[in-house]
PDB file of N, CA and C in Angstrom:
ATOM      1  N   MET A   1      27.673 -20.119 -38.865  1.00  0.00           N
ATOM      2  CA  MET A   1      26.637 -20.959 -38.676  1.00  0.00           C
ATOM      3  C   MET A   1      25.853 -19.891 -39.194  1.00  0.00           C
ATOM      4  N   ALA A   2      24.963 -20.008 -40.069  1.00  0.00           N
ATOM      5  CA  ALA A   2      23.730 -19.415 -40.576  1.00  0.00           C
ATOM      6  C   ALA A   2      23.256 -18.749 -39.576  1.00  0.00           C
ATOM      7  N   ARG A   3      22.231 -17.763 -39.901  1.00  0.00           N
ATOM      8  CA  ARG A   3      21.477 -17.231 -39.085  1.00  0.00           C
ATOM      9  C   ARG A   3      20.352 -17.322 -38.873  1.00  0.00           C
ATOM     10  N   LYS A   4      19.877 -17.830 -37.837  1.00  0.00           N
ATOM     11  CA  LYS A   4      18.040 -18.170 -38.311  1.00  0.00           C
ATOM     12  C   LYS A   4      17.355 -16.660 -37.681  1.00  0.00           C
ATOM     13  N   SER A   5      15.934 -17.173 -38.763  1.00  0.00           N
ATOM     14  CA  SER A   5      15.291 -15.868 -39.453  1.00  0.00           C
ATOM     15  C   SER A   5      14.423 -15.977 -37.837  1.00  0.00           C
ATOM     16  N   MET A   6      14.050 -14.345 -37.231  1.00  0.00           N
ATOM     17  CA  MET A   6      13.022 -14.775 -36.494  1.00  0.00           C
ATOM     18  C   MET A   6      11.581 -14.873 -36.862  1.00  0.00           C
ATOM     19  N   MET A   7      11.456 -14.178 -37.918  1.00  0.00           N
ATOM     20  CA  MET A   7      10.251 -13.585 -38.305  1.00  0.00           C
ATOM     21  C   MET A   7       9.234 -14.778 -38.432  1.00  0.00           C
ATOM     22  N   GLY A   8       9.173 -16.120 -38.527  1.00  0.00           N
ATOM     23  CA  GLY A   8       8.245 -17.029 -38.370  1.00  0.00           C
ATOM     24  C   GLY A   8       7.648 -16.664 -36.750  1.00  0.00           C
ATOM     25  N   LEU A   9       8.661 -16.635 -36.095  1.00  0.00           N
ATOM     26  CA  LEU A   9       8.377 -16.250 -34.662  1.00  0.00           C
ATOM     27  C   LEU A   9       7.258 -15.230 -34.411  1.00  0.00           C
ATOM     28  N   VAL A  10       7.314 -14.542 -35.428  1.00  0.00           N
ATOM     29  CA  VAL A  10       6.528 -13.274 -35.163  1.00  0.00           C
ATOM     30  C   VAL A  10       5.226 -12.920 -36.002  1.00  0.00           C
ATOM     31  N   ARG A  11       5.392 -13.864 -37.109  1.00  0.00           N
ATOM     32  CA  ARG A  11       4.094 -14.194 -37.596  1.00  0.00           C
ATOM     33  C   ARG A  11       2.831 -14.984 -36.869  1.00  0.00           C
ATOM     34  N   LYS A  12       3.511 -15.767 -36.326  1.00  0.00           N
ATOM     35  CA  LYS A  12       2.865 -16.684 -35.272  1.00  0.00           C
ATOM     36  C   LYS A  12       2.366 -16.227 -34.018  1.00  0.00           C
ATOM     37  N   GLY A  13       2.843 -15.181 -33.855  1.00  0.00           N
ATOM     38  CA  GLY A  13       2.522 -14.445 -32.482  1.00  0.00           C
ATOM     39  C   GLY A  13       1.598 -13.388 -33.075  1.00  0.00           C
ATOM     40  N   LYS A  14       1.466 -13.072 -34.328  1.00  0.00           N
ATOM     41  CA  LYS A  14       0.193 -11.794 -34.287  1.00  0.00           C
ATOM     42  C   LYS A  14      -1.178 -12.886 -34.122  1.00  0.00           C
ATOM     43  N   ALA A  15      -1.292 -13.996 -34.413  1.00  0.00           N
ATOM     44  CA  ALA A  15      -2.181 -15.002 -34.829  1.00  0.00           C
ATOM     45  C   ALA A  15      -2.901 -15.194 -33.320  1.00  0.00           C
ATOM     46  N   LYS A  16      -1.405 -15.355 -32.625  1.00  0.00           N
ATOM     47  CA  LYS A  16      -1.539 -16.091 -30.881  1.00  0.00           C
ATOM     48  C   LYS A  16      -2.084 -15.004 -29.697  1.00  0.00           C
ATOM     49  N   VAL A  17      -1.480 -13.868 -29.859  1.00  0.00           N
ATOM     50  CA  VAL A  17      -1.645 -13.331 -28.573  1.00  0.00           C
ATOM     51  C   VAL A  17      -2.285 -11.806 -29.365  1.00  0.00           C
ATOM     52  N   ARG A  18      -3.657 -11.225 -28.995  1.00  0.00           N
ATOM     53  CA  ARG A  18      -3.405  -9.652 -28.969  1.00  0.00           C
ATOM     54  C   ARG A  18      -4.618  -9.080 -28.264  1.00  0.00           C
ATOM     55  N   GLY A  19      -4.776  -7.808 -27.976  1.00  0.00           N
ATOM     56  CA  GLY A  19      -5.451  -6.996 -26.941  1.00  0.00           C
ATOM     57  C   GLY A  19      -4.580  -5.797 -26.427  1.00  0.00           C
ATOM     58  N   SER A  20      -5.528  -5.685 -25.053  1.00  0.00           N
ATOM     59  CA  SER A  20      -4.534  -4.948 -24.055  1.00  0.00           C
ATOM     60  C   SER A  20      -3.314  -5.248 -23.686  1.00  0.00           C
ATOM     61  N   GLY A  21      -2.145  -4.799 -23.205  1.00  0.00           N
ATOM     62  CA  GLY A  21      -1.129  -5.346 -22.613  1.00  0.00           C
ATOM     63  C   GLY A  21       0.208  -4.422 -22.479  1.00  0.00           C
ATOM     64  N   TYR A  22       1.583  -5.369 -22.432  1.00  0.00           N
ATOM     65  CA  TYR A  22       2.230  -4.222 -22.449  1.00  0.00           C
ATOM     66  C   TYR A  22       3.602  -4.785 -23.106  1.00  0.00           C
ATOM     67  N   TYR A  23       4.229  -3.509 -24.161  1.00  0.00           N
ATOM     68  CA  TYR A  23       5.686  -3.579 -24.587  1.00  0.00           C
ATOM     69  C   TYR A  23       6.692  -3.733 -23.438  1.00  0.00           C
ATOM     70  N   VAL A  24       7.100  -4.991 -23.596  1.00  0.00           N
ATOM     71  CA  VAL A  24       8.414  -4.835 -22.793  1.00  0.00           C
ATOM     72  C   VAL A  24       9.771  -4.772 -23.600  1.00  0.00           C
ATOM     73  N   THR A  25      10.722  -3.853 -23.505  1.00  0.00           N
ATOM     74  CA  THR A  25      12.050  -3.868 -24.002  1.00  0.00           C
ATOM     75  C   THR A  25      12.852  -3.875 -22.877  1.00  0.00           C
ATOM     76  N   TRP A  26      13.961  -4.665 -23.463  1.00  0.00           N
ATOM     77  CA  TRP A  26      15.283  -4.593 -22.467  1.00  0.00           C
ATOM     78  C   TRP A  26      16.804  -4.204 -23.132  1.00  0.00           C
ATOM     79  N   ASP A  27      17.881  -3.559 -22.418  1.00  0.00           N
ATOM     80  CA  ASP A  27      18.790  -3.839 -23.342  1.00  0.00           C
ATOM     81  C   ASP A  27      20.045  -4.694 -22.142  1.00  0.00           C
ATOM     82  N   VAL A  28      20.568  -5.582 -22.864  1.00  0.00           N
ATOM     83  CA  VAL A  28      21.386  -6.462 -21.552  1.00  0.00           C
ATOM     84  C   VAL A  28      22.803  -5.833 -22.017  1.00  0.00           C
ATOM     85  N   ASP A  29      23.819  -5.668 -20.896  1.00  0.00           N
ATOM     86  CA  ASP A  29      25.423  -5.482 -21.488  1.00  0.00           C
ATOM     87  C   ASP A  29      25.814  -6.255 -22.147  1.00  0.00           C
ATOM     88  N   SER A  30      26.336  -6.572 -23.061  1.00  0.00           N
ATOM     89  CA  SER A  30      26.530  -7.629 -23.714  1.00  0.00           C
ATOM     90  C   SER A  30      27.989  -8.343 -23.403  1.00  0.00           C
ATOM     91  N   ASN A  31      28.554  -7.193 -22.329  1.00  0.00           N
ATOM     92  CA  ASN A  31      29.881  -7.733 -21.707  1.00  0.00           C
ATOM     93  C   ASN A  31      29.505  -8.974 -20.521  1.00  0.00           C
ATOM     94  N   ASP A  32      28.106  -8.507 -20.180  1.00  0.00           N
ATOM     95  CA  ASP A  32      28.128  -9.281 -18.994  1.00  0.00           C
ATOM     96  C   ASP A  32      27.206 -10.576 -19.135  1.00  0.00           C
ATOM     97  N   GLN A  33      28.180 -11.741 -20.023  1.00  0.00           N
ATOM     98  CA  GLN A  33      27.954 -13.103 -20.410  1.00  0.00           C
ATOM     99  C   GLN A  33      26.770 -13.481 -19.493  1.00  0.00           C
ATOM    100  N   ALA A  34      26.933 -13.545 -18.068  1.00  0.00           N
ATOM    101  CA  ALA A  34      25.866 -14.508 -17.367  1.00  0.00           C
ATOM    102  C   ALA A  34      24.384 -13.775 -17.500  1.00  0.00           C
ATOM    103  N   ALA A  35      24.476 -12.209 -17.101  1.00  0.00           N
ATOM    104  CA  ALA A  35      22.926 -11.624 -17.641  1.00  0.00           C
ATOM    105  C   ALA A  35      22.698 -12.384 -18.799  1.00  0.00           C
ATOM    106  N   THR A  36      23.553 -12.340 -19.627  1.00  0.00           N
ATOM    107  CA  THR A  36      22.711 -12.376 -21.213  1.00  0.00           C
ATOM    108  C   THR A  36      22.415 -13.771 -21.253  1.00  0.00           C
ATOM    109  N   SER A  37      22.593 -14.788 -20.999  1.00  0.00           N
ATOM    110  CA  SER A  37      22.579 -15.904 -20.795  1.00  0.00           C
ATOM    111  C   SER A  37      21.441 -16.486 -19.876  1.00  0.00           C
ATOM    112  N   ARG A  38      21.286 -15.393 -19.100  1.00  0.00           N
ATOM    113  CA  ARG A  38      19.998 -15.683 -17.904  1.00  0.00           C
ATOM    114  C   ARG A  38      18.995 -15.742 -18.587  1.00  0.00           C
ATOM    115  N   ILE A  39      18.781 -14.116 -19.404  1.00  0.00           N
ATOM    116  CA  ILE A  39      17.543 -13.654 -19.896  1.00  0.00           C
ATOM    117  C   ILE A  39      17.624 -14.076 -21.195  1.00  0.00           C
ATOM    118  N   LYS A  40      18.299 -14.837 -21.576  1.00  0.00           N
ATOM    119  CA  LYS A  40      18.151 -15.654 -22.854  1.00  0.00           C
ATOM    120  C   LYS A  40      17.204 -16.768 -22.895  1.00  0.00           C
ATOM    121  N   TYR A  41      17.613 -17.394 -21.586  1.00  0.00           N
ATOM    122  CA  TYR A  41      17.508 -19.233 -21.280  1.00  0.00           C
ATOM    123  C   TYR A  41      15.891 -18.884 -20.710  1.00  0.00           C
ATOM    124  N   PHE A  42      16.216 -17.914 -20.185  1.00  0.00           N
ATOM    125  CA  PHE A  42      14.208 -17.160 -19.318  1.00  0.00           C
ATOM    126  C   PHE A  42      13.253 -17.131 -20.417  1.00  0.00           C
ATOM    127  N   VAL A  43      13.558 -16.181 -21.509  1.00  0.00           N
ATOM    128  CA  VAL A  43      12.971 -15.793 -22.447  1.00  0.00           C
ATOM    129  C   VAL A  43      12.300 -17.198 -23.512  1.00  0.00           C
ATOM    130  N   PHE A  44      13.817 -17.782 -24.147  1.00  0.00           N
ATOM    131  CA  PHE A  44      13.388 -18.882 -25.243  1.00  0.00           C
ATOM    132  C   PHE A  44      13.491 -20.244 -24.493  1.00  0.00           C
ATOM    133  N   GLY A  45      14.031 -20.277 -23.428  1.00  0.00           N
ATOM    134  CA  GLY A  45      14.188 -21.455 -23.115  1.00  0.00           C
ATOM    135  C   GLY A  45      15.376 -22.744 -23.611  1.00  0.00           C
ATOM    136  N   LYS A  46      15.263 -23.575 -23.213  1.00  0.00           N
ATOM    137  CA  LYS A  46      16.989 -24.388 -24.008  1.00  0.00           C
ATOM    138  C   LYS A  46      16.538 -25.775 -23.629  1.00  0.00           C
ATOM    139  N   ARG A  47      17.220 -26.324 -24.581  1.00  0.00           N
ATOM    140  CA  ARG A  47      17.167 -27.867 -24.619  1.00  0.00           C
ATOM    141  C   ARG A  47      18.684 -28.155 -24.118  1.00  0.00           C
ATOM    142  N   VAL A  48      18.721 -29.530 -23.007  1.00  0.00           N
ATOM    143  CA  VAL A  48      19.722 -30.313 -22.616  1.00  0.00           C
ATOM    144  C   VAL A  48      19.891 -31.594 -22.965  1.00  0.00           C
ATOM    145  N   ARG A  49      20.981 -31.990 -23.974  1.00  0.00           N
ATOM    146  CA  ARG A  49      21.227 -33.769 -23.637  1.00  0.00           C
ATOM    147  C   ARG A  49      22.201 -33.611 -22.923  1.00  0.00           C
ATOM    148  N   ALA A  50      21.706 -35.030 -22.517  1.00  0.00           N
ATOM    149  CA  ALA A  50      22.592 -35.615 -21.114  1.00  0.00           C
ATOM    150  C   ALA A  50      22.269 -37.245 -21.164  1.00  0.00           C
ATOM    151  N   ASP A  51      23.290 -38.189 -20.906  1.00  0.00           N
ATOM    152  CA  ASP A  51      22.544 -39.503 -20.903  1.00  0.00           C
ATOM    153  C   ASP A  51      22.016 -39.922 -21.911  1.00  0.00           C
ATOM    154  N   GLY A  52      22.219 -39.539 -23.184  1.00  0.00           N
ATOM    155  CA  GLY A  52      21.260 -39.934 -24.158  1.00  0.00           C
ATOM    156  C   GLY A  52      20.044 -39.717 -24.403  1.00  0.00           C
ATOM    157  N   ARG A  53      19.528 -38.633 -23.519  1.00  0.00           N
ATOM    158  CA  ARG A  53      18.297 -38.069 -23.612  1.00  0.00           C
ATOM    159  C   ARG A  53      18.261 -36.343 -23.254  1.00  0.00           C
ATOM    160  N   GLU A  54      17.116 -35.960 -24.109  1.00  0.00           N
ATOM    161  CA  GLU A  54      16.899 -35.066 -24.619  1.00  0.00           C
ATOM    162  C   GLU A  54      15.800 -34.057 -23.818  1.00  0.00           C
ATOM    163  N   ARG A  55      16.099 -33.003 -22.800  1.00  0.00           N
ATOM    164  CA  ARG A  55      15.365 -32.810 -22.310  1.00  0.00           C
ATOM    165  C   ARG A  55      14.567 -31.140 -22.505  1.00  0.00           C
ATOM    166  N   THR A  56      13.897 -30.646 -22.784  1.00  0.00           N
ATOM    167  CA  THR A  56      13.204 -29.027 -23.010  1.00  0.00           C
ATOM    168  C   THR A  56      12.748 -28.405 -22.589  1.00  0.00           C
ATOM    169  N   TYR A  57      13.328 -27.479 -22.173  1.00  0.00           N
ATOM    170  CA  TYR A  57      12.702 -26.624 -21.319  1.00  0.00           C
ATOM    171  C   TYR A  57      12.131 -25.323 -21.843  1.00  0.00           C
ATOM    172  N   PRO A  58      10.708 -24.924 -22.087  1.00  0.00           N
ATOM    173  CA  PRO A  58      10.278 -23.906 -22.584  1.00  0.00           C
ATOM    174  C   PRO A  58      10.612 -22.601 -21.747  1.00  0.00           C
ATOM    175  N   GLY A  59      10.785 -21.576 -22.818  1.00  0.00           N
ATOM    176  CA  GLY A  59      10.845 -20.556 -22.087  1.00  0.00           C
ATOM    177  C   GLY A  59       9.687 -19.509 -21.982  1.00  0.00           C
ATOM    178  N   PHE A  60       9.695 -18.646 -21.455  1.00  0.00           N
ATOM    179  CA  PHE A  60       8.697 -17.659 -20.946  1.00  0.00           C
ATOM    180  C   PHE A  60       7.863 -17.098 -22.542  1.00  0.00           C
ATOM    181  N   LEU A  61       8.534 -16.783 -23.944  1.00  0.00           N
ATOM    182  CA  LEU A  61       7.705 -16.902 -24.754  1.00  0.00           C
ATOM    183  C   LEU A  61       6.844 -17.719 -24.954  1.00  0.00           C
ATOM    184  N   TRP A  62       7.017 -19.045 -25.114  1.00  0.00           N
ATOM    185  CA  TRP A  62       5.917 -20.008 -24.958  1.00  0.00           C
ATOM    186  C   TRP A  62       4.499 -20.337 -24.361  1.00  0.00           C
ATOM    187  N   LYS A  63       4.560 -19.494 -23.320  1.00  0.00           N
ATOM    188  CA  LYS A  63       3.763 -19.305 -22.183  1.00  0.00           C
ATOM    189  C   LYS A  63       2.176 -18.244 -23.107  1.00  0.00           C
ATOM    190  N   GLU A  64       1.240 -18.739 -22.264  1.00  0.00           N
ATOM    191  CA  GLU A  64       0.132 -18.305 -23.076  1.00  0.00           C
ATOM    192  C   GLU A  64       0.314 -16.966 -22.733  1.00  0.00           C
ATOM    193  N   GLY A  65      -0.287 -15.904 -23.490  1.00  0.00           N
ATOM    194  CA  GLY A  65      -0.412 -14.379 -23.264  1.00  0.00           C
ATOM    195  C   GLY A  65       1.135 -13.596 -23.513  1.00  0.00           C
ATOM    196  N   VAL A  66       1.775 -14.230 -24.090  1.00  0.00           N
ATOM    197  CA  VAL A  66       3.390 -13.604 -24.269  1.00  0.00           C
ATOM    198  C   VAL A  66       3.298 -13.680 -25.503  1.00  0.00           C
ATOM    199  N   ARG A  67       4.189 -12.564 -26.361  1.00  0.00           N
ATOM    200  CA  ARG A  67       4.146 -12.770 -28.131  1.00  0.00           C
ATOM    201  C   ARG A  67       5.346 -11.912 -28.453  1.00  0.00           C
ATOM    202  N   TYR A  68       6.184 -12.691 -29.247  1.00  0.00           N
ATOM    203  CA  TYR A  68       7.581 -11.990 -29.725  1.00  0.00           C
ATOM    204  C   TYR A  68       7.419 -10.824 -30.475  1.00  0.00           C
ATOM    205  N   LEU A  69       7.998  -9.928 -30.286  1.00  0.00           N
ATOM    206  CA  LEU A  69       7.987  -8.631 -31.676  1.00  0.00           C
ATOM    207  C   LEU A  69       9.052  -8.699 -32.249  1.00  0.00           C
ATOM    208  N   ALA A  70      10.258  -8.453 -31.414  1.00  0.00           N
ATOM    209  CA  ALA A  70      11.648  -8.269 -31.919  1.00  0.00           C
ATOM    210  C   ALA A  70      12.775  -8.583 -31.081  1.00  0.00           C
ATOM    211  N   GLN A  71      14.088  -8.152 -31.462  1.00  0.00           N
ATOM    212  CA  GLN A  71      15.250  -8.869 -30.425  1.00  0.00           C
ATOM    213  C   GLN A  71      14.910  -7.987 -29.151  1.00  0.00           C
ATOM    214  N   SER A  72      15.166  -8.082 -28.167  1.00  0.00           N
ATOM    215  CA  SER A  72      14.758  -7.771 -26.668  1.00  0.00           C
ATOM    216  C   SER A  72      13.691  -7.060 -27.051  1.00  0.00           C
ATOM    217  N   ALA A  73      12.090  -7.438 -27.129  1.00  0.00           N
ATOM    218  CA  ALA A  73      11.144  -6.965 -27.171  1.00  0.00           C
ATOM    219  C   ALA A  73       9.735  -8.291 -27.541  1.00  0.00           C
ATOM    220  N   ILE A  74       9.258  -8.009 -26.023  1.00  0.00           N
ATOM    221  CA  ILE A  74       7.941  -8.736 -26.659  1.00  0.00           C
ATOM    222  C   ILE A  74       6.587  -7.774 -26.056  1.00  0.00           C
ATOM    223  N   PHE A  75       5.735  -8.499 -26.081  1.00  0.00           N
ATOM    224  CA  PHE A  75       4.328  -8.301 -25.789  1.00  0.00           C
ATOM    225  C   PHE A  75       3.617  -8.871 -24.840  1.00  0.00           C
ATOM    226  N   VAL A  76       3.255  -8.679 -23.764  1.00  0.00           N
ATOM    227  CA  VAL A  76       2.653  -9.585 -22.809  1.00  0.00           C
ATOM    228  C   VAL A  76       1.536  -8.648 -22.294  1.00  0.00           C
ATOM    229  N   LEU A  77       0.700  -9.943 -22.050  1.00  0.00           N
ATOM    230  CA  LEU A  77      -0.470  -9.548 -21.280  1.00  0.00           C
ATOM    231  C   LEU A  77      -0.314  -9.237 -20.038  1.00  0.00           C
ATOM    232  N   PRO A  78      -1.331  -8.503 -19.547  1.00  0.00           N
ATOM    233  CA  PRO A  78      -1.320  -7.679 -17.991  1.00  0.00           C
ATOM    234  C   PRO A  78      -1.292  -9.152 -16.783  1.00  0.00           C
ATOM    235  N   HIS A  79      -1.349 -10.181 -17.322  1.00  0.00           N
ATOM    236  CA  HIS A  79      -1.111 -11.081 -15.813  1.00  0.00           C
ATOM    237  C   HIS A  79       0.400 -11.714 -15.887  1.00  0.00           C
ATOM    238  N   ARG A  80       1.017 -11.446 -16.893  1.00  0.00           N
ATOM    239  CA  ARG A  80       2.738 -12.195 -17.587  1.00  0.00           C
ATOM    240  C   ARG A  80       3.339 -10.919 -16.938  1.00  0.00           C
ATOM    241  N   LEU A  81       2.639  -9.633 -16.911  1.00  0.00           N
ATOM    242  CA  LEU A  81       3.708  -8.367 -16.613  1.00  0.00           C
ATOM    243  C   LEU A  81       4.600  -8.497 -15.553  1.00  0.00           C
ATOM    244  N   PRO A  82       3.933  -8.918 -14.244  1.00  0.00           N
ATOM    245  CA  PRO A  82       4.769  -9.227 -12.794  1.00  0.00           C
ATOM    246  C   PRO A  82       5.866  -9.852 -13.085  1.00  0.00           C
ATOM    247  N   VAL A  83       6.222 -11.387 -14.055  1.00  0.00           N
ATOM    248  CA  VAL A  83       7.085 -12.461 -14.069  1.00  0.00           C
ATOM    249  C   VAL A  83       8.085 -11.884 -14.612  1.00  0.00           C
ATOM    250  N   ILE A  84       7.801 -11.431 -16.285  1.00  0.00           N
ATOM    251  CA  ILE A  84       8.782 -10.665 -16.726  1.00  0.00           C
ATOM    252  C   ILE A  84       9.870  -9.329 -15.962  1.00  0.00           C
ATOM    253  N   ARG A  85       8.890  -8.794 -15.287  1.00  0.00           N
ATOM    254  CA  ARG A  85       9.690  -7.322 -14.901  1.00  0.00           C
ATOM    255  C   ARG A  85      10.173  -7.923 -13.710  1.00  0.00           C
ATOM    256  N   ARG A  86       9.741  -8.942 -12.762  1.00  0.00           N
ATOM    257  CA  ARG A  86      11.033  -9.489 -11.768  1.00  0.00           C
ATOM    258  C   ARG A  86      11.799  -9.745 -12.408  1.00  0.00           C
ATOM    259  N   VAL A  87      11.911 -10.813 -13.334  1.00  0.00           N
ATOM    260  CA  VAL A  87      13.669 -11.483 -14.009  1.00  0.00           C
ATOM    261  C   VAL A  87      13.918 -10.429 -14.332  1.00  0.00           C
ATOM    262  N   LEU A  88      13.431  -9.519 -15.322  1.00  0.00           N
ATOM    263  CA  LEU A  88      14.850  -8.053 -15.444  1.00  0.00           C
ATOM    264  C   LEU A  88      14.779  -7.382 -14.350  1.00  0.00           C
ATOM    265  N   GLU A  89      14.296  -7.688 -13.351  1.00  0.00           N
ATOM    266  CA  GLU A  89      14.697  -6.368 -12.119  1.00  0.00           C
ATOM    267  C   GLU A  89      16.068  -7.176 -10.769  1.00  0.00           C
ATOM    268  N   GLU A  90      15.662  -8.574 -11.408  1.00  0.00           N
ATOM    269  CA  GLU A  90      16.367  -9.561 -10.501  1.00  0.00           C
ATOM    270  C   GLU A  90      18.118  -9.599 -10.920  1.00  0.00           C
ATOM    271  N   ASN A  91      18.021  -9.336 -12.098  1.00  0.00           N
ATOM    272  CA  ASN A  91      19.240  -9.337 -13.075  1.00  0.00           C
ATOM    273  C   ASN A  91      20.267  -8.145 -13.324  1.00  0.00           C
ATOM    274  N   GLY A  92      19.040  -7.435 -12.601  1.00  0.00           N
ATOM    275  CA  GLY A  92      20.020  -5.833 -12.965  1.00  0.00           C
ATOM    276  C   GLY A  92      19.769  -5.651 -14.314  1.00  0.00           C
ATOM    277  N   ILE A  93      18.793  -5.789 -15.442  1.00  0.00           N
ATOM    278  CA  ILE A  93      18.664  -5.552 -16.649  1.00  0.00           C
ATOM    279  C   ILE A  93      17.847  -4.417 -16.839  1.00  0.00           C
ATOM    280  N   ASP A  94      18.612  -3.285 -17.664  1.00  0.00           N
ATOM    281  CA  ASP A  94      17.673  -2.418 -17.970  1.00  0.00           C
ATOM    282  C   ASP A  94      16.614  -2.531 -18.390  1.00  0.00           C
ATOM    283  N   HIS A  95      15.240  -2.008 -18.536  1.00  0.00           N
ATOM    284  CA  HIS A  95      14.162  -2.464 -19.218  1.00  0.00           C
ATOM    285  C   HIS A  95      12.988  -0.779 -18.936  1.00  0.00           C
ATOM    286  N   ASP A  96      11.918  -1.058 -19.984  1.00  0.00           N
ATOM    287  CA  ASP A  96      11.084  -0.327 -19.864  1.00  0.00           C
ATOM    288  C   ASP A  96       9.750  -1.125 -20.739  1.00  0.00           C
ATOM    289  N   VAL A  97       8.649  -0.408 -20.067  1.00  0.00           N
ATOM    290  CA  VAL A  97       7.327  -0.855 -20.196  1.00  0.00           C
ATOM    291  C   VAL A  97       6.486   0.125 -20.630  1.00  0.00           C
ATOM    292  N   GLU A  98       5.613  -0.290 -21.664  1.00  0.00           N
ATOM    293  CA  GLU A  98       4.607   0.786 -22.354  1.00  0.00           C
ATOM    294  C   GLU A  98       3.642   0.169 -22.610  1.00  0.00           C
ATOM    295  N   GLU A  99       2.924   0.701 -21.817  1.00  0.00           N
ATOM    296  CA  GLU A  99       0.924   0.222 -22.350  1.00  0.00           C
ATOM    297  C   GLU A  99       0.255   0.123 -23.386  1.00  0.00           C
ATOM    298  N   VAL A 100      -0.237  -0.905 -24.319  1.00  0.00           N
ATOM    299  CA  VAL A 100      -0.503  -0.594 -25.186  1.00  0.00           C
ATOM    300  C   VAL A 100      -1.644  -1.800 -25.890  1.00  0.00           C
ATOM    301  N   THR A 101      -2.293  -1.360 -27.065  1.00  0.00           N
ATOM    302  CA  THR A 101      -3.132  -2.273 -27.648  1.00  0.00           C
ATOM    303  C   THR A 101      -2.618  -2.934 -29.219  1.00  0.00           C
ATOM    304  N   LEU A 102      -2.466  -4.063 -28.678  1.00  0.00           N
ATOM    305  CA  LEU A 102      -2.282  -4.552 -30.376  1.00  0.00           C
ATOM    306  C   LEU A 102      -3.574  -5.267 -31.085  1.00  0.00           C
ATOM    307  N   HIS A 103      -3.774  -5.075 -32.528  1.00  0.00           N
ATOM    308  CA  HIS A 103      -5.297  -5.380 -33.171  1.00  0.00           C
ATOM    309  C   HIS A 103      -4.432  -6.679 -33.760  1.00  0.00           C
TER     310      HIS A 103
END
């Protein structure tokens, strides 16, 4: 399977979200497949096909005030920080938050 480039998502984010906010990065233990899947689905969302229908569940990344920076790294505006922090903490995922301004 060919690897999908995330650079398009990085470029779209540059135009979408700027200003003062928080750089959030995390590290999931790859041996903990359940936590890895939960954070992946939370951040990126998922598509479910059943009964000939497809349902899309958009992830956190598609919300206003969230910008993809790199693997396991996003920028969030202040009103989004409590949500991502809660999810990471509830899933026991090591993370760090730093206040930054993106121009």
